[in-house]
Each structure stands twice: as C-alpha cells, then as structure tokens.
C-alpha cells in the first residue's frame, strides 16, 4: 500500500457537499456569534462542519452525537475546573476522566472522542464558570441545527443513482453469465475455458454485495429527506429487483460449479443439455427484461421480445447414466430461476 493511500480516499466528496459544509459553517459562526456574545463561536462552527453528512438522516444522527458529546464534555470540564481550578494539568485530567466516562457509558467512538475534545477545549479556551458552560452547549446546539437545516434545504442528497447503476451492472453480468454457461454446454470446452467460466461467475458475488449496499444507502438517504416522496417508489422497485436477482446469482454460480465438477466433452451431445442451454438463454433474456422494466438501464440491450421467454417448464428425455446427476442438478436450478423470474418462488 502506497503512502498516499493512508490519507487519500478512493473517491472524493462532491463539490456540492463541500459547498454545503462551507455554508453551514459560516452561517453557524455568524448566527452563534450574534446570539451568544463574548467568545468566538468555535463550538458552533465545528458542530455545523461535522453535522453536514452525505444524507439528512446521517446529519441528524451526527447532530445528536455531537450534542451529547459536547454536553458531557462541558459538564466534566466545568466540574473539574470548579474543584481544581484552571491549572494546565487539569486539562489532562479532564481528558482522561472524559474518556473513562465515555467508556463506562458505552457510547459510540465518535461520541466518546467528542466528550474528551469538548472537555479539553472548555478548559483550554475558556473558563469553568456555569455561564460559560451553558453558552458553549447552546452554541453547539445552534451549529448542529444549522448543519441539519442546510443539508436538508440545499439539494438534500438522494443516493438513487449509484443504486441504479450498480443494479444495472449486476443485471447485465447475470444475463451474460447465463449466456456464457449456455454456450459452454452447447459445445465441447477446454479445462482452461471452464475454469475461466467459474471465475467470471464468482465475480457476481461482489457485484451483488455492491448493489445491495448501494440500495441500502439509497434507502437510508431518503430518511428525513424532503425529497423522499419523489424517489420512494423508485427505491422500492430497486429493492424488489435485487431480491429477485440475488437468488438467481446464487443459482447460476451453483450451476457453473456443478458443470465444472462434472464436465464431460460428450455432454454437449445430450439432447437434454441442448434444451437446458436454450432455457438458459431464455433466462438471460428475462433477466434483461426485468432490468429494463425496472428502468435501470437508460439504453437496455436489444431484446428479441418484450414477453418473458420462460413460459413453460422444461421437459427432457432420460439422459445417459454418466450425465444424469449433472442434468438433474441443472434442471432443478433452472426450475428455481424460472420461479424467481416469474415470481412463483
């Protein structure tokens, strides 16, 4: 791992997010400075900066975390300041006590750090008087509230685009995997080609995980979001589609694994295998159709028909004795794929 990977993110935040953080920080500084006289509104600016998050719901959670941490830290610092005075060593004691209190209460790491930081800032920058402590708490609440308002009013983030993109990639790869498996069953394959087929099928697992994570992030971004009504139905469709495609991913990987384990070049001569390959192509068609109907792909791949191709169960003749285990396994997995695509599962 390079040195830059320690402090550089794989993806930068949007410029809009930076602008919203700047607006919230400046607004918190001005408003808190006008309402709370006497001290620079450092606590308000820090609260606003931390509260602006990728979603409104996360902003609300961060505001609670920040507020609780500041209140606890200010109370600890004020109590220690009143008892021991303003000596420099009291700051160190306050940090240790704050960390122990956070540990005892089992708060989140972010809240625990905030307790210690707030205690340190109160003793290092101000005084231990009750008035000063109350002002800092009020100042923090102002900054947190402004951060939430700014994030909610200025183009509140809706993470539907990444969810749609990742699900489109998964649907495309799933259809391609079905087509590749069909081609492998129709003609003799080398050992290297079968291993490559297995590797490509396994790549669908991280793609499925990425799509599920993106949809979850999209759903989370709608919580407390003023724009949620315009995107709720779309996220519901994406969730329904990932729940349909996810079991099919598992079935296709299993079918590929079974084919690799029991592969025989003479397998392609089986009439039943040729019929299964045709059904796999029909399944690939229906996967593309499902993705298209959910409006995941702006320009879906061309399809021969907009009607689902898997319309009837597959009936085959008895295979050779050496192939019946694999063919039976493929037929059962194909039945499950058929049920998922037609919502019969």
Protein backbone atom coordinates (compact mmCIF):
# COMPACT_ATOMS: atom_id res chain seq x y z
CA UNK A 1 0.00 0.00 0.00
CA UNK A 2 1.42 3.40 -1.02
CA UNK A 3 1.94 6.24 1.40
CA UNK A 4 -0.83 8.29 -0.23
CA UNK A 5 -3.38 5.53 0.41
CA UNK A 6 -3.10 6.26 4.14
CA UNK A 7 -4.63 9.73 3.86
CA UNK A 8 -6.33 9.78 0.45
CA UNK A 9 -9.83 8.45 -0.16
CA UNK A 10 -10.70 6.30 -3.14
CA UNK A 11 -13.44 8.77 -4.08
CA UNK A 12 -13.67 12.46 -3.30
CA UNK A 13 -16.77 14.06 -1.88
CA UNK A 14 -18.90 16.06 -4.31
CA UNK A 15 -18.18 19.76 -4.70
CA UNK A 16 -21.77 20.42 -3.65
CA UNK A 17 -21.11 18.68 -0.33
CA UNK A 18 -18.04 20.87 0.23
CA UNK A 19 -20.07 23.99 -0.56
CA UNK A 20 -22.85 22.95 1.84
CA UNK A 21 -20.31 22.35 4.62
CA UNK A 22 -18.82 25.79 3.99
CA UNK A 23 -22.25 27.46 4.01
CA UNK A 24 -23.26 25.68 7.22
CA UNK A 25 -20.01 26.57 8.97
CA UNK A 26 -20.16 30.25 8.01
CA UNK A 27 -23.85 30.52 8.92
CA UNK A 28 -23.26 28.84 12.29
CA UNK A 29 -20.35 31.17 13.04
CA UNK A 30 -22.40 34.29 12.23
CA UNK A 31 -25.63 33.24 13.94
CA UNK A 32 -23.99 31.86 17.09
CA UNK A 33 -21.70 34.89 17.30
CA UNK A 34 -24.71 37.17 17.14
CA UNK A 35 -26.77 35.23 19.70
CA UNK A 36 -24.03 34.18 22.14
CA UNK A 37 -21.84 37.18 22.90
CA UNK A 38 -18.33 37.23 24.33
CA UNK A 39 -16.47 34.28 22.81
CA UNK A 40 -15.61 33.23 19.28
CA UNK A 41 -18.25 30.67 18.22
CA UNK A 42 -15.77 27.84 17.72
CA UNK A 43 -18.12 25.16 19.03
CA UNK A 44 -20.90 26.22 16.66
CA UNK A 45 -18.62 26.16 13.62
CA UNK A 46 -17.22 22.73 14.49
CA UNK A 47 -20.70 21.32 15.07
CA UNK A 48 -22.03 22.61 11.74
CA UNK A 49 -18.97 21.30 9.89
CA UNK A 50 -19.34 17.82 11.36
CA UNK A 51 -23.11 17.61 11.01
CA UNK A 52 -23.25 18.08 7.23
CA UNK A 53 -23.18 14.44 6.10
CA UNK A 54 -23.97 12.52 2.88
CA UNK A 55 -27.61 12.16 3.98
CA UNK A 56 -30.08 14.11 6.12
CA UNK A 57 -30.57 11.11 8.38
CA UNK A 58 -26.82 10.88 8.98
CA UNK A 59 -26.78 14.60 9.71
CA UNK A 60 -29.44 14.15 12.36
CA UNK A 61 -27.52 11.26 13.94
CA UNK A 62 -24.28 13.24 13.87
CA UNK A 63 -26.05 16.22 15.48
CA UNK A 64 -27.23 14.04 18.35
CA UNK A 65 -23.78 12.50 18.71
CA UNK A 66 -22.11 15.90 18.70
CA UNK A 67 -24.59 17.46 21.13
CA UNK A 68 -24.38 14.64 23.67
CA UNK A 69 -20.60 14.63 23.48
CA UNK A 70 -20.37 18.39 24.00
CA UNK A 71 -22.81 18.42 26.91
CA UNK A 72 -20.98 15.60 28.68
CA UNK A 73 -17.57 17.14 27.99
CA UNK A 74 -18.61 20.60 29.15
CA UNK A 75 -20.14 19.23 32.36
CA UNK A 76 -16.99 17.22 33.14
CA UNK A 77 -14.71 20.16 32.40
CA UNK A 78 -16.80 22.59 34.44
CA UNK A 79 -16.92 20.25 37.44
CA UNK A 80 -13.17 19.65 37.39
CA UNK A 81 -12.47 23.35 36.85
CA UNK A 82 -14.58 24.37 39.82
CA UNK A 83 -12.87 21.80 42.06
CA UNK A 84 -9.23 22.09 40.94
CA UNK A 85 -9.02 25.48 39.24
CA UNK A 86 -7.53 26.30 35.85
CA UNK A 87 -4.05 24.75 36.12
CA UNK A 88 -2.71 23.15 32.95
CA UNK A 89 -2.65 19.67 34.47
CA UNK A 90 -6.42 19.87 34.97
CA UNK A 91 -6.81 19.77 31.19
CA UNK A 92 -5.03 16.40 31.07
CA UNK A 93 -7.10 15.09 33.96
CA UNK A 94 -10.29 16.23 32.21
CA UNK A 95 -9.33 14.35 29.04
CA UNK A 96 -8.67 11.13 30.95
CA UNK A 97 -11.86 11.45 33.00
CA UNK A 98 -13.89 12.18 29.87
CA UNK A 99 -12.51 9.08 28.15
CA UNK A 100 -13.29 6.92 31.19
CA UNK A 101 -16.82 8.29 31.44
CA UNK A 102 -17.42 7.61 27.75
CA UNK A 103 -16.09 4.07 28.17
CA UNK A 104 -18.28 3.46 31.22
CA UNK A 105 -21.39 4.66 29.38
CA UNK A 106 -20.53 2.56 26.27
CA UNK A 107 -21.10 5.45 23.90
CA UNK A 108 -20.04 5.34 20.26
CA UNK A 109 -16.40 6.12 19.41
CA UNK A 110 -17.46 9.42 17.83
CA UNK A 111 -19.37 10.49 20.92
CA UNK A 112 -16.54 9.37 23.20
CA UNK A 113 -13.99 11.41 21.27
CA UNK A 114 -16.33 14.38 21.34
CA UNK A 115 -16.62 14.21 25.13
CA UNK A 116 -12.83 14.34 25.54
CA UNK A 117 -12.35 17.07 22.91
CA UNK A 118 -15.08 19.25 24.38
CA UNK A 119 -13.68 18.91 27.89
CA UNK A 120 -10.24 19.89 26.64
CA UNK A 121 -11.48 22.89 24.66
CA UNK A 122 -13.57 24.25 27.51
CA UNK A 123 -10.61 24.27 29.91
CA UNK A 124 -8.04 25.35 27.34
CA UNK A 125 -10.01 28.16 25.69
CA UNK A 126 -12.40 29.42 28.32
CA UNK A 127 -13.31 29.18 31.92
CA UNK A 128 -15.12 26.75 34.18
CA UNK A 129 -17.98 29.04 35.12
CA UNK A 130 -21.54 27.70 34.71
CA UNK A 131 -22.40 30.60 32.38
CA UNK A 132 -19.53 29.73 30.05
CA UNK A 133 -20.53 26.05 30.02
CA UNK A 134 -24.15 26.84 29.19
CA UNK A 135 -23.09 29.20 26.40
CA UNK A 136 -20.91 26.50 24.81
CA UNK A 137 -23.73 23.96 24.94
CA UNK A 138 -26.18 26.45 23.43
CA UNK A 139 -23.63 27.37 20.80
CA UNK A 140 -23.16 23.72 19.82
CA UNK A 141 -26.90 23.20 19.51
CA UNK A 142 -27.12 26.21 17.21
CA UNK A 143 -24.35 24.86 14.98
CA UNK A 144 -25.86 21.38 14.85
CA UNK A 145 -29.30 22.73 13.99
CA UNK A 146 -27.90 24.91 11.21
CA UNK A 147 -25.98 21.96 9.80
CA UNK A 148 -29.17 19.88 9.59
CA UNK A 149 -31.17 22.72 8.02
CA UNK A 150 -28.52 23.47 5.40
CA UNK A 151 -28.17 19.80 4.45
CA UNK A 152 -31.95 19.41 4.21
CA UNK A 153 -32.67 22.60 2.25
CA UNK A 154 -29.76 22.83 -0.20
CA UNK A 155 -30.26 19.91 -2.61
CA UNK A 156 -30.65 17.19 0.05
CA UNK A 157 -28.70 14.15 -1.18
CA UNK A 158 -30.63 11.24 -2.70
CA UNK A 159 -28.41 8.24 -3.46
CA UNK A 160 -30.62 6.63 -6.07
CA UNK A 161 -28.18 7.00 -8.97
CA UNK A 162 -25.46 4.71 -7.53
CA UNK A 163 -28.09 2.10 -6.63
CA UNK A 164 -29.48 2.14 -10.17
CA UNK A 165 -26.00 1.92 -11.68
CA UNK A 166 -24.81 -1.00 -9.52
CA UNK A 167 -28.02 -2.94 -10.09
CA UNK A 168 -27.72 -2.40 -13.85
CA UNK A 169 -24.18 -3.77 -13.75
CA UNK A 170 -25.34 -6.80 -11.78
CA UNK A 171 -28.24 -7.48 -14.13
CA UNK A 172 -26.02 -7.21 -17.19
CA UNK A 173 -23.39 -9.54 -15.75
CA UNK A 174 -26.01 -12.05 -14.61
CA UNK A 175 -27.52 -12.22 -18.09
CA UNK A 176 -24.03 -12.56 -19.60
CA UNK A 177 -23.19 -15.39 -17.18
CA UNK A 178 -26.34 -17.27 -18.17
CA UNK A 179 -25.46 -16.87 -21.84
CA UNK A 180 -21.85 -17.97 -21.27
CA UNK A 181 -22.99 -21.08 -19.42
CA UNK A 182 -25.39 -21.89 -22.25
CA UNK A 183 -22.57 -21.61 -24.80
CA UNK A 184 -20.33 -23.82 -22.67
CA UNK A 185 -23.00 -26.53 -22.56
CA UNK A 186 -23.62 -26.48 -26.29
CA UNK A 187 -20.09 -27.27 -27.46
CA UNK A 188 -17.00 -29.03 -26.01
CA UNK A 189 -14.87 -26.80 -23.77
CA UNK A 190 -11.26 -26.96 -22.61
CA UNK A 191 -10.36 -27.19 -18.94
CA UNK A 192 -8.99 -23.65 -19.05
CA UNK A 193 -12.24 -22.34 -20.55
CA UNK A 194 -14.28 -23.99 -17.81
CA UNK A 195 -12.05 -22.53 -15.09
CA UNK A 196 -12.44 -19.10 -16.68
CA UNK A 197 -16.21 -19.57 -16.73
CA UNK A 198 -16.16 -20.30 -12.99
CA UNK A 199 -14.04 -17.24 -12.22
CA UNK A 200 -16.39 -14.99 -14.18
CA UNK A 201 -19.42 -16.43 -12.38
CA UNK A 202 -17.86 -15.80 -8.96
CA UNK A 203 -17.39 -12.13 -9.83
CA UNK A 204 -21.13 -11.71 -9.47
CA UNK A 205 -20.92 -12.08 -5.68
CA UNK A 206 -19.09 -8.78 -5.05
CA UNK A 207 -21.29 -7.11 -7.66
CA UNK A 208 -24.40 -8.33 -5.82
CA UNK A 209 -22.99 -7.12 -2.49
CA UNK A 210 -22.21 -3.73 -4.02
CA UNK A 211 -25.72 -3.42 -5.44
CA UNK A 212 -27.33 -4.38 -2.11
CA UNK A 213 -25.12 -1.86 -0.27
CA UNK A 214 -25.97 0.89 -2.76
CA UNK A 215 -29.70 0.23 -2.45
CA UNK A 216 -29.43 0.26 1.35
CA UNK A 217 -27.55 3.57 1.15
CA UNK A 218 -30.24 4.93 -1.16
CA UNK A 219 -32.99 3.93 1.25
CA UNK A 220 -31.08 5.48 4.13
CA UNK A 221 -30.63 8.72 2.18
CA UNK A 222 -34.43 9.12 1.94
CA UNK A 223 -34.94 9.03 5.71
CA UNK A 224 -35.91 12.54 6.91
CA UNK A 225 -35.30 13.78 3.35
CA UNK A 226 -37.74 16.39 1.99
CA UNK A 227 -37.30 14.86 -1.48
CA UNK A 228 -38.16 11.31 -0.41
CA UNK A 229 -41.66 11.24 -1.92
CA UNK A 230 -40.27 11.66 -5.43
CA UNK A 231 -37.92 8.68 -5.09
CA UNK A 232 -39.61 6.28 -2.68
CA UNK A 233 -41.33 4.22 -5.39
CA UNK A 234 -38.12 4.01 -7.42
CA UNK A 235 -36.16 2.65 -4.46
CA UNK A 236 -38.95 0.19 -3.76
CA UNK A 237 -38.64 -1.15 -7.32
CA UNK A 238 -34.88 -1.43 -6.99
CA UNK A 239 -35.25 -3.32 -3.71
CA UNK A 240 -37.77 -5.72 -5.27
CA UNK A 241 -35.45 -6.33 -8.22
CA UNK A 242 -32.36 -7.07 -6.12
CA UNK A 243 -34.43 -9.52 -4.08
CA UNK A 244 -35.38 -11.24 -7.33
CA UNK A 245 -31.88 -11.29 -8.84
CA UNK A 246 -29.93 -12.24 -5.72
CA UNK A 247 -31.16 -15.87 -5.53
CA UNK A 248 -30.60 -16.24 -9.28
CA UNK A 249 -26.98 -15.18 -8.81
CA UNK A 250 -26.59 -17.98 -6.28
CA UNK A 251 -28.23 -20.49 -8.63
CA UNK A 252 -26.05 -19.52 -11.60
CA UNK A 253 -22.86 -19.80 -9.57
CA UNK A 254 -24.00 -23.21 -8.35
CA UNK A 255 -24.86 -24.35 -11.88
CA UNK A 256 -21.45 -23.25 -13.12
CA UNK A 257 -19.73 -25.05 -10.24
CA UNK A 258 -21.68 -28.25 -10.90
CA UNK A 259 -20.88 -28.08 -14.62
CA UNK A 260 -17.18 -27.64 -13.87
CA UNK A 261 -17.12 -30.54 -11.40
CA UNK A 262 -18.98 -32.99 -13.65
CA UNK A 263 -17.91 -31.73 -17.06
CA UNK A 264 -17.51 -34.18 -19.90
CA UNK A 265 -16.82 -33.13 -23.52
CA UNK A 266 -19.55 -35.55 -24.58
CA UNK A 267 -22.04 -33.57 -22.52
CA UNK A 268 -22.92 -31.38 -25.49
CA UNK A 269 -24.24 -34.40 -27.36
CA UNK A 270 -27.07 -34.82 -24.88
CA UNK A 271 -30.41 -33.53 -26.25
CA UNK A 272 -31.37 -32.57 -22.71
CA UNK A 273 -28.26 -30.39 -22.36
CA UNK A 274 -29.07 -28.60 -25.60
CA UNK A 275 -32.57 -27.94 -24.27
CA UNK A 276 -31.16 -26.64 -20.97
CA UNK A 277 -28.81 -24.32 -22.86
CA UNK A 278 -31.78 -22.89 -24.75
CA UNK A 279 -33.61 -22.31 -21.45
CA UNK A 280 -30.55 -20.55 -20.04
CA UNK A 281 -30.60 -18.15 -22.98
CA UNK A 282 -34.28 -17.53 -22.35
CA UNK A 283 -33.48 -16.84 -18.70
CA UNK A 284 -30.81 -14.35 -19.78
CA UNK A 285 -33.46 -12.66 -21.94
CA UNK A 286 -35.83 -12.43 -18.99
CA UNK A 287 -33.14 -11.01 -16.71
CA UNK A 288 -32.51 -8.24 -19.24
CA UNK A 289 -36.25 -7.74 -19.50
CA UNK A 290 -36.62 -7.44 -15.72
CA UNK A 291 -33.86 -4.86 -15.59
CA UNK A 292 -35.41 -2.97 -18.47
CA UNK A 293 -38.90 -2.90 -16.95
CA UNK A 294 -37.47 -1.55 -13.72
CA UNK A 295 -35.92 1.28 -15.78
CA UNK A 296 -32.41 0.50 -14.53
CA UNK A 297 -30.66 0.85 -17.88
CA UNK A 298 -31.30 4.06 -19.86
CA UNK A 299 -30.44 2.13 -23.06
CA UNK A 300 -31.13 -1.56 -22.42
CA UNK A 301 -29.54 -4.21 -24.58
CA UNK A 302 -31.64 -5.12 -27.64
CA UNK A 303 -34.13 -7.88 -26.95
CA UNK A 304 -35.91 -10.12 -29.38
CA UNK A 305 -39.15 -9.84 -27.43
CA UNK A 306 -40.65 -7.88 -24.58
CA UNK A 307 -42.52 -11.00 -23.48
CA UNK A 308 -40.91 -13.25 -20.85
CA UNK A 309 -39.32 -16.24 -22.57
CA UNK A 310 -39.58 -18.69 -19.68
CA UNK A 311 -43.24 -19.54 -20.11
CA UNK A 312 -43.35 -23.31 -19.57
CA UNK A 313 -41.44 -25.93 -17.56
CA UNK A 314 -38.70 -27.82 -19.40
CA UNK A 315 -39.42 -31.47 -20.20
CA UNK A 316 -36.46 -33.64 -21.33
CA UNK A 317 -35.83 -37.27 -22.13
CA UNK A 318 -33.76 -39.51 -19.87
CA UNK A 319 -30.04 -38.69 -20.16
CA UNK A 320 -27.16 -41.12 -20.27
CA UNK A 321 -26.23 -42.71 -16.98
CA UNK A 322 -22.99 -40.73 -16.72
CA UNK A 323 -24.72 -37.38 -17.08
CA UNK A 324 -27.97 -37.73 -15.20
CA UNK A 325 -26.64 -36.24 -11.92
CA UNK A 326 -25.44 -33.03 -13.59
CA UNK A 327 -28.51 -32.73 -15.81
CA UNK A 328 -30.82 -33.28 -12.86
CA UNK A 329 -28.96 -30.63 -10.86
CA UNK A 330 -29.10 -28.13 -13.74
CA UNK A 331 -32.81 -28.75 -14.23
CA UNK A 332 -33.56 -28.13 -10.55
CA UNK A 333 -31.58 -24.89 -10.53
CA UNK A 334 -33.27 -23.86 -13.76
CA UNK A 335 -36.65 -24.53 -12.16
CA UNK A 336 -35.74 -22.20 -9.28
CA UNK A 337 -34.59 -19.50 -11.70
CA UNK A 338 -37.86 -19.92 -13.59
CA UNK A 339 -39.81 -19.48 -10.35
CA UNK A 340 -37.89 -16.35 -9.36
CA UNK A 341 -38.27 -14.67 -12.74
CA UNK A 342 -41.97 -15.39 -12.85
CA UNK A 343 -42.49 -14.52 -9.16
CA UNK A 344 -43.51 -18.07 -8.30
CA UNK A 345 -40.85 -18.58 -5.62
